[in-house]
């Protein structure tokens, strides 16, 4: 979307990047910070409290199952209120790497 001068510029900051994924934050006009997790063709848009919960969930899962357990083709599913995300092993490892780069 192009800013035609009627919309205020929204400051954004890249928080983490991997080869295929990125996380960035935006300071919205109402003063709230939102977080955006770009996972290929899917982007999660999270408010601050959702962001902390998401990062905690991924870190907990990574600790429980390990970020590099074997070389199987097993998948990982993350259930959210609106749907689920499914990751094959390489995608999961990349997500864990991405989340490892951010502070909460």
N, C-alpha and C. Protein backbone atom coordinates (compact mmCIF):
# COMPACT_ATOMS: atom_id res chain seq x y z
N UNK A 1 0.85 -1.17 0.00
CA UNK A 1 0.00 0.00 0.00
C UNK A 1 0.90 1.23 0.00
N UNK A 2 0.57 2.18 -0.78
CA UNK A 2 1.33 3.41 -0.90
C UNK A 2 0.79 4.46 0.05
N UNK A 3 1.69 5.16 0.71
CA UNK A 3 1.29 6.25 1.60
C UNK A 3 1.10 7.50 0.76
N UNK A 4 -0.15 7.97 0.68
CA UNK A 4 -0.43 9.14 -0.14
C UNK A 4 -0.35 10.44 0.66
N UNK A 5 0.24 10.38 1.84
CA UNK A 5 0.38 11.57 2.67
C UNK A 5 -0.71 11.70 3.71
N UNK A 6 -1.79 10.90 3.58
CA UNK A 6 -2.88 10.96 4.54
C UNK A 6 -2.63 10.06 5.75
N UNK A 7 -1.74 9.09 5.60
CA UNK A 7 -1.46 8.16 6.68
C UNK A 7 -0.11 8.50 7.31
N UNK A 8 -0.02 8.41 8.63
CA UNK A 8 1.28 8.67 9.27
C UNK A 8 2.25 7.53 8.95
N UNK A 9 3.53 7.85 8.88
CA UNK A 9 4.55 6.82 8.70
C UNK A 9 4.61 5.99 9.98
N UNK A 10 4.63 4.69 9.83
CA UNK A 10 4.69 3.79 10.97
C UNK A 10 6.12 3.26 11.08
N UNK A 11 6.80 3.57 12.20
CA UNK A 11 8.18 3.09 12.36
C UNK A 11 8.20 1.57 12.52
N UNK A 12 9.07 0.91 11.76
CA UNK A 12 9.22 -0.53 11.86
C UNK A 12 10.68 -0.86 12.17
N UNK A 13 10.88 -2.02 12.82
CA UNK A 13 12.22 -2.46 13.17
C UNK A 13 12.31 -3.97 12.91
N UNK A 14 13.31 -4.39 12.15
CA UNK A 14 13.54 -5.81 11.95
C UNK A 14 14.19 -6.36 13.20
N UNK A 15 13.59 -7.40 13.77
CA UNK A 15 14.09 -7.98 15.02
C UNK A 15 14.93 -9.23 14.80
N UNK A 16 14.62 -9.99 13.74
CA UNK A 16 15.36 -11.22 13.45
C UNK A 16 15.08 -11.64 12.02
N UNK A 17 16.06 -12.31 11.42
CA UNK A 17 15.91 -12.81 10.06
C UNK A 17 16.68 -14.11 9.90
N UNK A 18 16.11 -15.00 9.13
CA UNK A 18 16.81 -16.19 8.67
C UNK A 18 16.70 -16.19 7.15
N UNK A 19 17.10 -17.26 6.54
CA UNK A 19 17.05 -17.31 5.07
C UNK A 19 15.63 -17.13 4.53
N UNK A 20 14.65 -17.73 5.22
CA UNK A 20 13.28 -17.72 4.71
C UNK A 20 12.27 -16.98 5.58
N UNK A 21 12.62 -16.66 6.81
CA UNK A 21 11.68 -16.08 7.76
C UNK A 21 12.20 -14.75 8.28
N UNK A 22 11.27 -13.94 8.81
CA UNK A 22 11.66 -12.65 9.40
C UNK A 22 10.66 -12.28 10.48
N UNK A 23 11.13 -11.51 11.44
CA UNK A 23 10.28 -10.94 12.48
C UNK A 23 10.56 -9.45 12.51
N UNK A 24 9.49 -8.65 12.51
CA UNK A 24 9.64 -7.20 12.62
C UNK A 24 8.55 -6.66 13.52
N UNK A 25 8.83 -5.50 14.08
CA UNK A 25 7.84 -4.85 14.94
C UNK A 25 7.49 -3.49 14.35
N UNK A 26 6.30 -3.02 14.71
CA UNK A 26 5.83 -1.71 14.24
C UNK A 26 5.24 -0.95 15.41
N UNK A 27 5.55 0.32 15.49
CA UNK A 27 4.95 1.20 16.49
C UNK A 27 3.73 1.83 15.84
N UNK A 28 2.56 1.34 16.23
CA UNK A 28 1.30 1.78 15.62
C UNK A 28 0.95 3.21 16.04
N UNK A 29 0.11 3.89 15.26
CA UNK A 29 -0.27 5.28 15.58
C UNK A 29 -0.89 5.45 16.98
N UNK A 30 -1.51 4.39 17.50
CA UNK A 30 -2.11 4.48 18.84
C UNK A 30 -1.09 4.24 19.95
N UNK A 31 0.19 4.02 19.59
CA UNK A 31 1.25 3.84 20.56
C UNK A 31 1.55 2.39 20.90
N UNK A 32 0.73 1.47 20.41
CA UNK A 32 0.97 0.05 20.69
C UNK A 32 1.98 -0.53 19.71
N UNK A 33 2.82 -1.42 20.20
CA UNK A 33 3.76 -2.13 19.35
C UNK A 33 3.11 -3.43 18.91
N UNK A 34 3.18 -3.71 17.61
CA UNK A 34 2.72 -4.99 17.08
C UNK A 34 3.93 -5.74 16.53
N UNK A 35 3.80 -7.06 16.50
CA UNK A 35 4.88 -7.93 16.05
C UNK A 35 4.39 -8.73 14.86
N UNK A 36 5.26 -8.92 13.89
CA UNK A 36 4.89 -9.56 12.64
C UNK A 36 5.92 -10.65 12.34
N UNK A 37 5.45 -11.88 12.23
CA UNK A 37 6.31 -13.03 11.98
C UNK A 37 6.03 -13.50 10.56
N UNK A 38 6.96 -13.28 9.66
CA UNK A 38 6.80 -13.69 8.26
C UNK A 38 7.38 -15.08 8.08
N UNK A 39 6.49 -16.02 7.77
CA UNK A 39 6.86 -17.43 7.58
C UNK A 39 6.54 -17.82 6.14
N UNK A 40 7.36 -17.39 5.22
CA UNK A 40 7.07 -17.65 3.81
C UNK A 40 5.85 -16.87 3.38
N UNK A 41 4.81 -17.58 2.95
CA UNK A 41 3.60 -16.91 2.46
C UNK A 41 2.62 -16.55 3.56
N UNK A 42 2.93 -16.92 4.80
CA UNK A 42 2.05 -16.64 5.94
C UNK A 42 2.72 -15.62 6.84
N UNK A 43 1.96 -14.61 7.27
CA UNK A 43 2.47 -13.65 8.24
C UNK A 43 1.55 -13.62 9.44
N UNK A 44 2.12 -13.81 10.62
CA UNK A 44 1.37 -13.70 11.87
C UNK A 44 1.46 -12.26 12.34
N UNK A 45 0.34 -11.67 12.71
CA UNK A 45 0.30 -10.32 13.25
C UNK A 45 -0.12 -10.45 14.71
N UNK A 46 0.76 -10.05 15.63
CA UNK A 46 0.54 -10.29 17.04
C UNK A 46 0.64 -9.00 17.85
N UNK A 47 -0.25 -8.85 18.83
CA UNK A 47 -0.13 -7.78 19.80
C UNK A 47 0.91 -8.19 20.84
N UNK A 48 1.36 -7.26 21.66
CA UNK A 48 2.46 -7.50 22.59
C UNK A 48 2.23 -8.72 23.47
N UNK A 49 1.04 -8.85 24.06
CA UNK A 49 0.80 -10.00 24.95
C UNK A 49 0.78 -11.31 24.17
N UNK A 50 0.29 -11.30 22.94
CA UNK A 50 0.30 -12.49 22.10
C UNK A 50 1.73 -12.85 21.68
N UNK A 51 2.53 -11.83 21.43
CA UNK A 51 3.92 -12.01 21.03
C UNK A 51 4.68 -12.77 22.11
N UNK A 52 4.57 -12.31 23.34
CA UNK A 52 5.27 -12.98 24.44
C UNK A 52 4.83 -14.43 24.59
N UNK A 53 3.55 -14.67 24.44
CA UNK A 53 3.01 -16.03 24.54
C UNK A 53 3.54 -16.91 23.40
N UNK A 54 3.57 -16.36 22.19
CA UNK A 54 4.05 -17.11 21.02
C UNK A 54 5.52 -17.49 21.18
N UNK A 55 6.35 -16.52 21.55
CA UNK A 55 7.79 -16.78 21.72
C UNK A 55 7.99 -17.82 22.82
N UNK A 56 7.29 -17.67 23.94
CA UNK A 56 7.41 -18.63 25.03
C UNK A 56 7.01 -20.03 24.60
N UNK A 57 5.95 -20.15 23.82
CA UNK A 57 5.47 -21.44 23.36
C UNK A 57 6.52 -22.12 22.47
N UNK A 58 7.10 -21.36 21.53
CA UNK A 58 8.10 -21.93 20.62
C UNK A 58 9.34 -22.35 21.41
N UNK A 59 9.78 -21.52 22.34
CA UNK A 59 10.96 -21.86 23.13
C UNK A 59 10.71 -23.08 24.00
N UNK A 60 9.54 -23.19 24.57
CA UNK A 60 9.20 -24.35 25.39
C UNK A 60 9.18 -25.62 24.54
N UNK A 61 8.55 -25.54 23.37
CA UNK A 61 8.52 -26.71 22.48
C UNK A 61 9.94 -27.11 22.07
N UNK A 62 10.78 -26.14 21.76
CA UNK A 62 12.15 -26.44 21.33
C UNK A 62 12.93 -27.12 22.45
N UNK A 63 12.70 -26.67 23.68
CA UNK A 63 13.37 -27.28 24.82
C UNK A 63 12.88 -28.70 25.03
N UNK A 64 11.59 -28.91 24.93
CA UNK A 64 11.01 -30.24 25.17
C UNK A 64 11.42 -31.25 24.11
N UNK A 65 11.41 -30.86 22.85
CA UNK A 65 11.70 -31.83 21.78
C UNK A 65 13.09 -31.68 21.20
N UNK A 66 13.76 -30.60 21.54
CA UNK A 66 15.09 -30.35 21.00
C UNK A 66 15.01 -29.73 19.63
N UNK A 67 15.90 -28.82 19.35
CA UNK A 67 15.90 -28.11 18.07
C UNK A 67 16.49 -28.98 16.95
N UNK A 68 17.27 -29.96 17.30
CA UNK A 68 17.92 -30.79 16.27
C UNK A 68 17.84 -32.26 16.64
N UNK A 69 16.65 -32.79 16.86
CA UNK A 69 16.49 -34.19 17.25
C UNK A 69 16.45 -35.05 16.00
N UNK A 70 17.50 -35.80 15.76
CA UNK A 70 17.53 -36.74 14.65
C UNK A 70 17.39 -36.07 13.29
N UNK A 71 17.15 -36.87 12.29
CA UNK A 71 16.98 -36.35 10.93
C UNK A 71 15.75 -37.00 10.30
N UNK A 72 14.69 -37.11 11.08
CA UNK A 72 13.48 -37.74 10.56
C UNK A 72 12.64 -36.72 9.82
N UNK A 73 11.60 -37.21 9.18
CA UNK A 73 10.69 -36.34 8.44
C UNK A 73 9.47 -35.96 9.27
N UNK A 74 9.54 -36.20 10.58
CA UNK A 74 8.38 -35.87 11.40
C UNK A 74 8.07 -34.39 11.31
N UNK A 75 6.82 -34.04 11.55
CA UNK A 75 6.42 -32.64 11.48
C UNK A 75 6.07 -32.09 12.84
N UNK A 76 5.93 -30.79 12.88
CA UNK A 76 5.60 -30.09 14.11
C UNK A 76 4.41 -29.19 13.84
N UNK A 77 3.40 -29.29 14.68
CA UNK A 77 2.19 -28.50 14.51
C UNK A 77 2.03 -27.55 15.68
N UNK A 78 1.74 -26.29 15.35
CA UNK A 78 1.48 -25.28 16.36
C UNK A 78 0.03 -24.85 16.20
N UNK A 79 -0.76 -25.10 17.22
CA UNK A 79 -2.17 -24.73 17.16
C UNK A 79 -2.37 -23.35 17.77
N UNK A 80 -3.02 -22.49 17.01
CA UNK A 80 -3.35 -21.14 17.45
C UNK A 80 -4.86 -21.00 17.47
N UNK A 81 -5.38 -19.92 18.02
CA UNK A 81 -6.83 -19.73 18.09
C UNK A 81 -7.51 -19.81 16.73
N UNK A 82 -6.87 -19.30 15.71
CA UNK A 82 -7.47 -19.19 14.39
C UNK A 82 -7.11 -20.32 13.44
N UNK A 83 -6.20 -21.19 13.83
CA UNK A 83 -5.78 -22.26 12.94
C UNK A 83 -4.50 -22.90 13.42
N UNK A 84 -3.86 -23.64 12.54
CA UNK A 84 -2.63 -24.35 12.91
C UNK A 84 -1.55 -24.11 11.87
N UNK A 85 -0.32 -24.14 12.33
CA UNK A 85 0.85 -24.06 11.45
C UNK A 85 1.56 -25.40 11.52
N UNK A 86 1.95 -25.93 10.38
CA UNK A 86 2.67 -27.20 10.33
C UNK A 86 4.05 -26.97 9.74
N UNK A 87 5.07 -27.51 10.40
CA UNK A 87 6.45 -27.34 9.96
C UNK A 87 7.10 -28.71 9.81
N UNK A 88 7.79 -28.94 8.69
CA UNK A 88 8.65 -30.11 8.58
C UNK A 88 9.93 -29.79 9.34
N UNK A 89 10.77 -30.79 9.55
CA UNK A 89 11.96 -30.64 10.41
C UNK A 89 12.81 -29.42 10.05
N UNK A 90 13.17 -29.22 8.79
CA UNK A 90 14.02 -28.08 8.41
C UNK A 90 13.35 -26.74 8.70
N UNK A 91 12.05 -26.66 8.43
CA UNK A 91 11.31 -25.42 8.71
C UNK A 91 11.25 -25.16 10.21
N UNK A 92 11.01 -26.24 10.98
CA UNK A 92 10.97 -26.11 12.45
C UNK A 92 12.30 -25.59 12.97
N UNK A 93 13.41 -26.19 12.50
CA UNK A 93 14.73 -25.75 12.94
C UNK A 93 14.96 -24.28 12.62
N UNK A 94 14.49 -23.84 11.45
CA UNK A 94 14.66 -22.43 11.08
C UNK A 94 13.81 -21.52 11.97
N UNK A 95 12.59 -21.95 12.31
CA UNK A 95 11.75 -21.16 13.21
C UNK A 95 12.40 -21.04 14.58
N UNK A 96 12.94 -22.13 15.10
CA UNK A 96 13.62 -22.10 16.40
C UNK A 96 14.82 -21.16 16.34
N UNK A 97 15.56 -21.21 15.25
CA UNK A 97 16.70 -20.31 15.06
C UNK A 97 16.23 -18.85 15.06
N UNK A 98 15.15 -18.58 14.36
CA UNK A 98 14.60 -17.22 14.27
C UNK A 98 14.19 -16.71 15.65
N UNK A 99 13.42 -17.52 16.38
CA UNK A 99 12.96 -17.13 17.72
C UNK A 99 14.13 -16.96 18.68
N UNK A 100 15.19 -17.75 18.48
CA UNK A 100 16.36 -17.62 19.32
C UNK A 100 17.06 -16.28 19.19
N UNK A 101 16.79 -15.55 18.13
CA UNK A 101 17.45 -14.25 17.89
C UNK A 101 16.74 -13.08 18.58
N UNK A 102 15.52 -13.29 19.09
CA UNK A 102 14.75 -12.18 19.61
C UNK A 102 14.72 -12.14 21.12
N UNK A 103 14.50 -10.95 21.64
CA UNK A 103 14.29 -10.72 23.08
C UNK A 103 12.82 -10.48 23.30
N UNK A 104 12.35 -10.89 24.45
CA UNK A 104 10.95 -10.62 24.80
C UNK A 104 10.94 -9.70 25.99
